[in-house]
Amino acid sequence: MMRRWITLALIASITLIFFYVSRFWYLNLWPRQGLFGIEGLRPQGGLLARWLRGTDAAPYELLIWAIGFFAVLSIAQKIYDRLPHRDD
């Protein structure tokens, strides 16, 4: 049961990180100077658009985000499947 809660917390954390990187982040939870004083982690989110700005890939930001999200969750699932399971 504890393993299930840890896994759910990990997947929720990954989802929040991807939500922050996307253009859909709308929460301003930390000051303007950035999270922990890191200017690159601004409170408005949208980091992927910022990273792709000025490149040929900029119009495909949402597609890149979706593919990355799917890939990371798939890798997390593969890792979870390889961990030994204890029968409760």
PDB file of N, CA and C in Angstrom:
ATOM      1  N   MET A   1       0.824  -1.191   0.000  1.00  0.00           N
ATOM      2  CA  MET A   1       0.000   0.000   0.000  1.00  0.00           C
ATOM      3  C   MET A   1       0.867   1.253   0.000  1.00  0.00           C
ATOM      4  N   MET A   2       1.972   1.209   0.776  1.00  0.00           N
ATOM      5  CA  MET A   2       2.857   2.361   0.836  1.00  0.00           C
ATOM      6  C   MET A   2       3.523   2.603  -0.517  1.00  0.00           C
ATOM      7  N   ARG A   3       3.844   1.516  -1.207  1.00  0.00           N
ATOM      8  CA  ARG A   3       4.462   1.629  -2.532  1.00  0.00           C
ATOM      9  C   ARG A   3       3.532   2.365  -3.492  1.00  0.00           C
ATOM     10  N   ARG A   4       2.255   2.082  -3.396  1.00  0.00           N
ATOM     11  CA  ARG A   4       1.282   2.746  -4.271  1.00  0.00           C
ATOM     12  C   ARG A   4       1.249   4.249  -3.999  1.00  0.00           C
ATOM     13  N   TRP A   5       1.289   4.657  -2.741  1.00  0.00           N
ATOM     14  CA  TRP A   5       1.262   6.079  -2.405  1.00  0.00           C
ATOM     15  C   TRP A   5       2.534   6.791  -2.872  1.00  0.00           C
ATOM     16  N   ILE A   6       3.666   6.122  -2.716  1.00  0.00           N
ATOM     17  CA  ILE A   6       4.931   6.710  -3.167  1.00  0.00           C
ATOM     18  C   ILE A   6       4.922   6.870  -4.682  1.00  0.00           C
ATOM     19  N   THR A   7       4.425   5.865  -5.375  1.00  0.00           N
ATOM     20  CA  THR A   7       4.351   5.931  -6.829  1.00  0.00           C
ATOM     21  C   THR A   7       3.407   7.045  -7.281  1.00  0.00           C
ATOM     22  N   LEU A   8       2.262   7.152  -6.645  1.00  0.00           N
ATOM     23  CA  LEU A   8       1.323   8.215  -6.995  1.00  0.00           C
ATOM     24  C   LEU A   8       1.918   9.600  -6.735  1.00  0.00           C
ATOM     25  N   ALA A   9       2.647   9.746  -5.634  1.00  0.00           N
ATOM     26  CA  ALA A   9       3.290  11.026  -5.332  1.00  0.00           C
ATOM     27  C   ALA A   9       4.367  11.350  -6.364  1.00  0.00           C
ATOM     28  N   LEU A  10       5.118  10.356  -6.786  1.00  0.00           N
ATOM     29  CA  LEU A  10       6.153  10.563  -7.792  1.00  0.00           C
ATOM     30  C   LEU A  10       5.548  10.973  -9.136  1.00  0.00           C
ATOM     31  N   ILE A  11       4.504  10.309  -9.560  1.00  0.00           N
ATOM     32  CA  ILE A  11       3.850  10.644 -10.824  1.00  0.00           C
ATOM     33  C   ILE A  11       3.190  12.020 -10.734  1.00  0.00           C
ATOM     34  N   ALA A  12       2.607  12.354  -9.595  1.00  0.00           N
ATOM     35  CA  ALA A  12       2.037  13.687  -9.423  1.00  0.00           C
ATOM     36  C   ALA A  12       3.124  14.756  -9.492  1.00  0.00           C
ATOM     37  N   SER A  13       4.287  14.480  -8.937  1.00  0.00           N
ATOM     38  CA  SER A  13       5.408  15.427  -9.007  1.00  0.00           C
ATOM     39  C   SER A  13       5.883  15.615 -10.443  1.00  0.00           C
ATOM     40  N   ILE A  14       6.001  14.513 -11.173  1.00  0.00           N
ATOM     41  CA  ILE A  14       6.399  14.610 -12.586  1.00  0.00           C
ATOM     42  C   ILE A  14       5.378  15.418 -13.367  1.00  0.00           C
ATOM     43  N   THR A  15       4.101  15.188 -13.095  1.00  0.00           N
ATOM     44  CA  THR A  15       3.042  15.917 -13.780  1.00  0.00           C
ATOM     45  C   THR A  15       3.107  17.408 -13.461  1.00  0.00           C
ATOM     46  N   LEU A  16       3.337  17.767 -12.201  1.00  0.00           N
ATOM     47  CA  LEU A  16       3.460  19.180 -11.841  1.00  0.00           C
ATOM     48  C   LEU A  16       4.651  19.834 -12.522  1.00  0.00           C
ATOM     49  N   ILE A  17       5.755  19.125 -12.619  1.00  0.00           N
ATOM     50  CA  ILE A  17       6.932  19.670 -13.294  1.00  0.00           C
ATOM     51  C   ILE A  17       6.620  19.921 -14.764  1.00  0.00           C
ATOM     52  N   PHE A  18       5.984  18.966 -15.415  1.00  0.00           N
ATOM     53  CA  PHE A  18       5.638  19.157 -16.820  1.00  0.00           C
ATOM     54  C   PHE A  18       4.590  20.249 -16.994  1.00  0.00           C
ATOM     55  N   PHE A  19       3.673  20.367 -16.062  1.00  0.00           N
ATOM     56  CA  PHE A  19       2.686  21.441 -16.100  1.00  0.00           C
ATOM     57  C   PHE A  19       3.375  22.798 -15.997  1.00  0.00           C
ATOM     58  N   TYR A  20       4.398  22.899 -15.151  1.00  0.00           N
ATOM     59  CA  TYR A  20       5.151  24.140 -15.000  1.00  0.00           C
ATOM     60  C   TYR A  20       5.935  24.470 -16.268  1.00  0.00           C
ATOM     61  N   VAL A  21       6.499  23.472 -16.902  1.00  0.00           N
ATOM     62  CA  VAL A  21       7.286  23.691 -18.118  1.00  0.00           C
ATOM     63  C   VAL A  21       6.389  24.107 -19.277  1.00  0.00           C
ATOM     64  N   SER A  22       5.132  23.701 -19.262  1.00  0.00           N
ATOM     65  CA  SER A  22       4.215  23.992 -20.364  1.00  0.00           C
ATOM     66  C   SER A  22       3.714  25.427 -20.320  1.00  0.00           C
ATOM     67  N   ARG A  23       2.980  25.778 -21.340  1.00  0.00           N
ATOM     68  CA  ARG A  23       2.375  27.110 -21.411  1.00  0.00           C
ATOM     69  C   ARG A  23       1.112  27.225 -20.569  1.00  0.00           C
ATOM     70  N   PHE A  24       0.661  26.132 -19.969  1.00  0.00           N
ATOM     71  CA  PHE A  24      -0.600  26.119 -19.237  1.00  0.00           C
ATOM     72  C   PHE A  24      -0.471  26.486 -17.759  1.00  0.00           C
ATOM     73  N   TRP A  25       0.717  26.724 -17.280  1.00  0.00           N
ATOM     74  CA  TRP A  25       0.933  27.087 -15.877  1.00  0.00           C
ATOM     75  C   TRP A  25       0.352  28.483 -15.651  1.00  0.00           C
ATOM     76  N   TYR A  26      -0.500  28.635 -14.677  1.00  0.00           N
ATOM     77  CA  TYR A  26      -1.120  29.922 -14.391  1.00  0.00           C
ATOM     78  C   TYR A  26      -0.910  30.375 -12.950  1.00  0.00           C
ATOM     79  N   LEU A  27      -0.252  29.579 -12.144  1.00  0.00           N
ATOM     80  CA  LEU A  27      -0.054  29.900 -10.738  1.00  0.00           C
ATOM     81  C   LEU A  27       1.221  30.718 -10.546  1.00  0.00           C
ATOM     82  N   ASN A  28       1.155  31.737  -9.733  1.00  0.00           N
ATOM     83  CA  ASN A  28       2.335  32.510  -9.347  1.00  0.00           C
ATOM     84  C   ASN A  28       2.594  32.232  -7.870  1.00  0.00           C
ATOM     85  N   LEU A  29       3.341  31.174  -7.592  1.00  0.00           N
ATOM     86  CA  LEU A  29       3.522  30.706  -6.225  1.00  0.00           C
ATOM     87  C   LEU A  29       4.789  31.228  -5.565  1.00  0.00           C
ATOM     88  N   TRP A  30       5.694  31.855  -6.312  1.00  0.00           N
ATOM     89  CA  TRP A  30       6.931  32.366  -5.734  1.00  0.00           C
ATOM     90  C   TRP A  30       7.228  33.729  -6.320  1.00  0.00           C
ATOM     91  N   PRO A  31       8.153  34.459  -5.713  1.00  0.00           N
ATOM     92  CA  PRO A  31       8.417  35.833  -6.147  1.00  0.00           C
ATOM     93  C   PRO A  31       9.022  35.913  -7.552  1.00  0.00           C
ATOM     94  N   ARG A  32       9.035  37.123  -8.096  1.00  0.00           N
ATOM     95  CA  ARG A  32       9.480  37.360  -9.462  1.00  0.00           C
ATOM     96  C   ARG A  32      10.938  37.019  -9.700  1.00  0.00           C
ATOM     97  N   GLN A  33      11.786  37.058  -8.676  1.00  0.00           N
ATOM     98  CA  GLN A  33      13.205  36.773  -8.888  1.00  0.00           C
ATOM     99  C   GLN A  33      13.457  35.294  -9.134  1.00  0.00           C
ATOM    100  N   GLY A  34      12.439  34.457  -9.038  1.00  0.00           N
ATOM    101  CA  GLY A  34      12.574  33.046  -9.370  1.00  0.00           C
ATOM    102  C   GLY A  34      12.545  32.160  -8.146  1.00  0.00           C
ATOM    103  N   LEU A  35      12.292  30.900  -8.402  1.00  0.00           N
ATOM    104  CA  LEU A  35      12.240  29.901  -7.340  1.00  0.00           C
ATOM    105  C   LEU A  35      13.630  29.699  -6.768  1.00  0.00           C
ATOM    106  N   PHE A  36      13.777  29.807  -5.466  1.00  0.00           N
ATOM    107  CA  PHE A  36      15.054  29.687  -4.750  1.00  0.00           C
ATOM    108  C   PHE A  36      16.084  30.693  -5.261  1.00  0.00           C
ATOM    109  N   GLY A  37      15.621  31.805  -5.824  1.00  0.00           N
ATOM    110  CA  GLY A  37      16.529  32.824  -6.334  1.00  0.00           C
ATOM    111  C   GLY A  37      17.106  32.515  -7.704  1.00  0.00           C
ATOM    112  N   ILE A  38      16.647  31.465  -8.339  1.00  0.00           N
ATOM    113  CA  ILE A  38      17.124  31.096  -9.675  1.00  0.00           C
ATOM    114  C   ILE A  38      16.264  31.827 -10.701  1.00  0.00           C
ATOM    115  N   GLU A  39      16.858  32.746 -11.438  1.00  0.00           N
ATOM    116  CA  GLU A  39      16.106  33.572 -12.377  1.00  0.00           C
ATOM    117  C   GLU A  39      15.461  32.763 -13.497  1.00  0.00           C
ATOM    118  N   GLY A  40      16.051  31.635 -13.852  1.00  0.00           N
ATOM    119  CA  GLY A  40      15.512  30.809 -14.924  1.00  0.00           C
ATOM    120  C   GLY A  40      14.206  30.134 -14.569  1.00  0.00           C
ATOM    121  N   LEU A  41      13.873  30.049 -13.271  1.00  0.00           N
ATOM    122  CA  LEU A  41      12.629  29.424 -12.826  1.00  0.00           C
ATOM    123  C   LEU A  41      11.621  30.496 -12.441  1.00  0.00           C
ATOM    124  N   ARG A  42      11.187  31.225 -13.425  1.00  0.00           N
ATOM    125  CA  ARG A  42      10.248  32.326 -13.182  1.00  0.00           C
ATOM    126  C   ARG A  42       8.871  31.793 -12.781  1.00  0.00           C
ATOM    127  N   PRO A  43       8.082  32.583 -12.078  1.00  0.00           N
ATOM    128  CA  PRO A  43       6.799  32.081 -11.573  1.00  0.00           C
ATOM    129  C   PRO A  43       5.726  31.896 -12.646  1.00  0.00           C
ATOM    130  N   GLN A  44       5.911  32.448 -13.824  1.00  0.00           N
ATOM    131  CA  GLN A  44       4.884  32.334 -14.862  1.00  0.00           C
ATOM    132  C   GLN A  44       4.920  31.007 -15.603  1.00  0.00           C
ATOM    133  N   GLY A  45       5.962  30.206 -15.427  1.00  0.00           N
ATOM    134  CA  GLY A  45       6.062  28.934 -16.138  1.00  0.00           C
ATOM    135  C   GLY A  45       6.382  29.167 -17.606  1.00  0.00           C
ATOM    136  N   GLY A  46       5.952  28.274 -18.464  1.00  0.00           N
ATOM    137  CA  GLY A  46       6.186  28.409 -19.892  1.00  0.00           C
ATOM    138  C   GLY A  46       7.648  28.301 -20.289  1.00  0.00           C
ATOM    139  N   LEU A  47       8.398  27.472 -19.594  1.00  0.00           N
ATOM    140  CA  LEU A  47       9.831  27.364 -19.857  1.00  0.00           C
ATOM    141  C   LEU A  47      10.135  26.801 -21.234  1.00  0.00           C
ATOM    142  N   LEU A  48       9.343  25.858 -21.705  1.00  0.00           N
ATOM    143  CA  LEU A  48       9.622  25.260 -23.005  1.00  0.00           C
ATOM    144  C   LEU A  48       9.533  26.306 -24.111  1.00  0.00           C
ATOM    145  N   ALA A  49       8.537  27.168 -24.062  1.00  0.00           N
ATOM    146  CA  ALA A  49       8.416  28.228 -25.066  1.00  0.00           C
ATOM    147  C   ALA A  49       9.621  29.162 -25.003  1.00  0.00           C
ATOM    148  N   ARG A  50      10.072  29.420 -23.802  1.00  0.00           N
ATOM    149  CA  ARG A  50      11.244  30.287 -23.630  1.00  0.00           C
ATOM    150  C   ARG A  50      12.506  29.625 -24.182  1.00  0.00           C
ATOM    151  N   TRP A  51      12.655  28.327 -23.944  1.00  0.00           N
ATOM    152  CA  TRP A  51      13.826  27.605 -24.430  1.00  0.00           C
ATOM    153  C   TRP A  51      13.816  27.493 -25.957  1.00  0.00           C
ATOM    154  N   LEU A  52      12.622  27.374 -26.550  1.00  0.00           N
ATOM    155  CA  LEU A  52      12.527  27.197 -27.998  1.00  0.00           C
ATOM    156  C   LEU A  52      12.452  28.511 -28.766  1.00  0.00           C
ATOM    157  N   ARG A  53      12.309  29.615 -28.081  1.00  0.00           N
ATOM    158  CA  ARG A  53      12.178  30.911 -28.739  1.00  0.00           C
ATOM    159  C   ARG A  53      13.387  31.159 -29.650  1.00  0.00           C
ATOM    160  N   GLY A  54      13.097  31.555 -30.895  1.00  0.00           N
ATOM    161  CA  GLY A  54      14.157  31.859 -31.848  1.00  0.00           C
ATOM    162  C   GLY A  54      14.668  30.653 -32.612  1.00  0.00           C
ATOM    163  N   THR A  55      14.116  29.489 -32.373  1.00  0.00           N
ATOM    164  CA  THR A  55      14.533  28.285 -33.094  1.00  0.00           C
ATOM    165  C   THR A  55      13.449  27.897 -34.095  1.00  0.00           C
ATOM    166  N   ASP A  56      13.788  26.980 -34.985  1.00  0.00           N
ATOM    167  CA  ASP A  56      12.804  26.493 -35.956  1.00  0.00           C
ATOM    168  C   ASP A  56      11.739  25.613 -35.302  1.00  0.00           C
ATOM    169  N   ALA A  57      12.005  25.124 -34.102  1.00  0.00           N
ATOM    170  CA  ALA A  57      11.066  24.245 -33.413  1.00  0.00           C
ATOM    171  C   ALA A  57      10.015  25.009 -32.607  1.00  0.00           C
ATOM    172  N   ALA A  58      10.112  26.320 -32.518  1.00  0.00           N
ATOM    173  CA  ALA A  58       9.198  27.113 -31.694  1.00  0.00           C
ATOM    174  C   ALA A  58       7.720  26.903 -32.031  1.00  0.00           C
ATOM    175  N   PRO A  59       7.334  26.795 -33.311  1.00  0.00           N
ATOM    176  CA  PRO A  59       5.905  26.571 -33.590  1.00  0.00           C
ATOM    177  C   PRO A  59       5.385  25.213 -33.111  1.00  0.00           C
ATOM    178  N   TYR A  60       6.274  24.293 -32.821  1.00  0.00           N
ATOM    179  CA  TYR A  60       5.881  22.946 -32.429  1.00  0.00           C
ATOM    180  C   TYR A  60       6.019  22.727 -30.920  1.00  0.00           C
ATOM    181  N   GLU A  61       5.955  23.798 -30.178  1.00  0.00           N
ATOM    182  CA  GLU A  61       6.155  23.721 -28.726  1.00  0.00           C
ATOM    183  C   GLU A  61       5.196  22.745 -28.055  1.00  0.00           C
ATOM    184  N   LEU A  62       3.928  22.828 -28.364  1.00  0.00           N
ATOM    185  CA  LEU A  62       2.940  21.961 -27.727  1.00  0.00           C
ATOM    186  C   LEU A  62       3.160  20.495 -28.109  1.00  0.00           C
ATOM    187  N   LEU A  63       3.497  20.243 -29.355  1.00  0.00           N
ATOM    188  CA  LEU A  63       3.772  18.877 -29.789  1.00  0.00           C
ATOM    189  C   LEU A  63       5.009  18.315 -29.095  1.00  0.00           C
ATOM    190  N   ILE A  64       6.046  19.110 -28.978  1.00  0.00           N
ATOM    191  CA  ILE A  64       7.269  18.690 -28.286  1.00  0.00           C
ATOM    192  C   ILE A  64       6.967  18.410 -26.822  1.00  0.00           C
ATOM    193  N   TRP A  65       6.165  19.270 -26.202  1.00  0.00           N
ATOM    194  CA  TRP A  65       5.791  19.066 -24.804  1.00  0.00           C
ATOM    195  C   TRP A  65       5.015  17.759 -24.637  1.00  0.00           C
ATOM    196  N   ALA A  66       4.055  17.493 -25.505  1.00  0.00           N
ATOM    197  CA  ALA A  66       3.238  16.281 -25.392  1.00  0.00           C
ATOM    198  C   ALA A  66       4.082  15.024 -25.597  1.00  0.00           C
ATOM    199  N   ILE A  67       4.963  15.047 -26.576  1.00  0.00           N
ATOM    200  CA  ILE A  67       5.829  13.890 -26.822  1.00  0.00           C
ATOM    201  C   ILE A  67       6.761  13.667 -25.632  1.00  0.00           C
ATOM    202  N   GLY A  68       7.337  14.729 -25.104  1.00  0.00           N
ATOM    203  CA  GLY A  68       8.218  14.612 -23.938  1.00  0.00           C
ATOM    204  C   GLY A  68       7.485  14.082 -22.726  1.00  0.00           C
ATOM    205  N   PHE A  69       6.274  14.570 -22.488  1.00  0.00           N
ATOM    206  CA  PHE A  69       5.469  14.117 -21.363  1.00  0.00           C
ATOM    207  C   PHE A  69       5.160  12.628 -21.493  1.00  0.00           C
ATOM    208  N   PHE A  70       4.742  12.215 -22.685  1.00  0.00           N
ATOM    209  CA  PHE A  70       4.443  10.807 -22.924  1.00  0.00           C
ATOM    210  C   PHE A  70       5.690   9.952 -22.747  1.00  0.00           C
ATOM    211  N   ALA A  71       6.826  10.419 -23.245  1.00  0.00           N
ATOM    212  CA  ALA A  71       8.069   9.649 -23.138  1.00  0.00           C
ATOM    213  C   ALA A  71       8.510   9.495 -21.686  1.00  0.00           C
ATOM    214  N   VAL A  72       8.457  10.564 -20.916  1.00  0.00           N
ATOM    215  CA  VAL A  72       8.885  10.496 -19.517  1.00  0.00           C
ATOM    216  C   VAL A  72       7.964   9.586 -18.704  1.00  0.00           C
ATOM    217  N   LEU A  73       6.666   9.686 -18.914  1.00  0.00           N
ATOM    218  CA  LEU A  73       5.750   8.805 -18.190  1.00  0.00           C
ATOM    219  C   LEU A  73       5.906   7.351 -18.627  1.00  0.00           C
ATOM    220  N   SER A  74       6.215   7.115 -19.904  1.00  0.00           N
ATOM    221  CA  SER A  74       6.459   5.749 -20.372  1.00  0.00           C
ATOM    222  C   SER A  74       7.713   5.170 -19.745  1.00  0.00           C
ATOM    223  N   ILE A  75       8.761   5.970 -19.651  1.00  0.00           N
ATOM    224  CA  ILE A  75       9.996   5.514 -19.012  1.00  0.00           C
ATOM    225  C   ILE A  75       9.762   5.241 -17.533  1.00  0.00           C
ATOM    226  N   ALA A  76       8.993   6.103 -16.871  1.00  0.00           N
ATOM    227  CA  ALA A  76       8.669   5.877 -15.458  1.00  0.00           C
ATOM    228  C   ALA A  76       7.887   4.573 -15.287  1.00  0.00           C
ATOM    229  N   GLN A  77       6.991   4.280 -16.209  1.00  0.00           N
ATOM    230  CA  GLN A  77       6.229   3.030 -16.156  1.00  0.00           C
ATOM    231  C   GLN A  77       7.144   1.825 -16.347  1.00  0.00           C
ATOM    232  N   LYS A  78       8.089   1.916 -17.280  1.00  0.00           N
ATOM    233  CA  LYS A  78       9.038   0.807 -17.503  1.00  0.00           C
ATOM    234  C   LYS A  78       9.887   0.564 -16.257  1.00  0.00           C
ATOM    235  N   ILE A  79      10.344   1.635 -15.617  1.00  0.00           N
ATOM    236  CA  ILE A  79      11.138   1.497 -14.392  1.00  0.00           C
ATOM    237  C   ILE A  79      10.289   0.868 -13.289  1.00  0.00           C
ATOM    238  N   TYR A  80       9.073   1.317 -13.153  1.00  0.00           N
ATOM    239  CA  TYR A  80       8.165   0.764 -12.135  1.00  0.00           C
ATOM    240  C   TYR A  80       7.925  -0.728 -12.374  1.00  0.00           C
ATOM    241  N   ASP A  81       7.758  -1.112 -13.631  1.00  0.00           N
ATOM    242  CA  ASP A  81       7.518  -2.522 -13.949  1.00  0.00           C
ATOM    243  C   ASP A  81       8.727  -3.397 -13.648  1.00  0.00           C
ATOM    244  N   ARG A  82       9.916  -2.851 -13.700  1.00  0.00           N
ATOM    245  CA  ARG A  82      11.138  -3.623 -13.442  1.00  0.00           C
ATOM    246  C   ARG A  82      11.447  -3.766 -11.937  1.00  0.00           C
ATOM    247  N   LEU A  83      10.853  -2.934 -11.116  1.00  0.00           N
ATOM    248  CA  LEU A  83      11.074  -3.042  -9.678  1.00  0.00           C
ATOM    249  C   LEU A  83      10.392  -4.298  -9.147  1.00  0.00           C
ATOM    250  N   PRO A  84      11.018  -4.959  -8.180  1.00  0.00           N
ATOM    251  CA  PRO A  84      10.389  -6.169  -7.637  1.00  0.00           C
ATOM    252  C   PRO A  84       9.113  -5.826  -6.863  1.00  0.00           C
ATOM    253  N   HIS A  85       8.085  -6.609  -7.081  1.00  0.00           N
ATOM    254  CA  HIS A  85       6.803  -6.407  -6.408  1.00  0.00           C
ATOM    255  C   HIS A  85       6.685  -7.341  -5.217  1.00  0.00           C
ATOM    256  N   ARG A  86       6.171  -6.781  -4.156  1.00  0.00           N
ATOM    257  CA  ARG A  86       5.913  -7.576  -2.947  1.00  0.00           C
ATOM    258  C   ARG A  86       4.420  -7.827  -2.883  1.00  0.00           C
ATOM    259  N   ASP A  87       4.037  -9.063  -2.761  1.00  0.00           N
ATOM    260  CA  ASP A  87       2.608  -9.400  -2.678  1.00  0.00           C
ATOM    261  C   ASP A  87       2.088  -9.049  -1.296  1.00  0.00           C
ATOM    262  N   ASP A  88       1.012  -8.257  -1.269  1.00  0.00           N
ATOM    263  CA  ASP A  88       0.417  -7.840   0.020  1.00  0.00           C
ATOM    264  C   ASP A  88      -0.714  -8.757   0.385  1.00  0.00           C
TER     265      ASP A  88
END
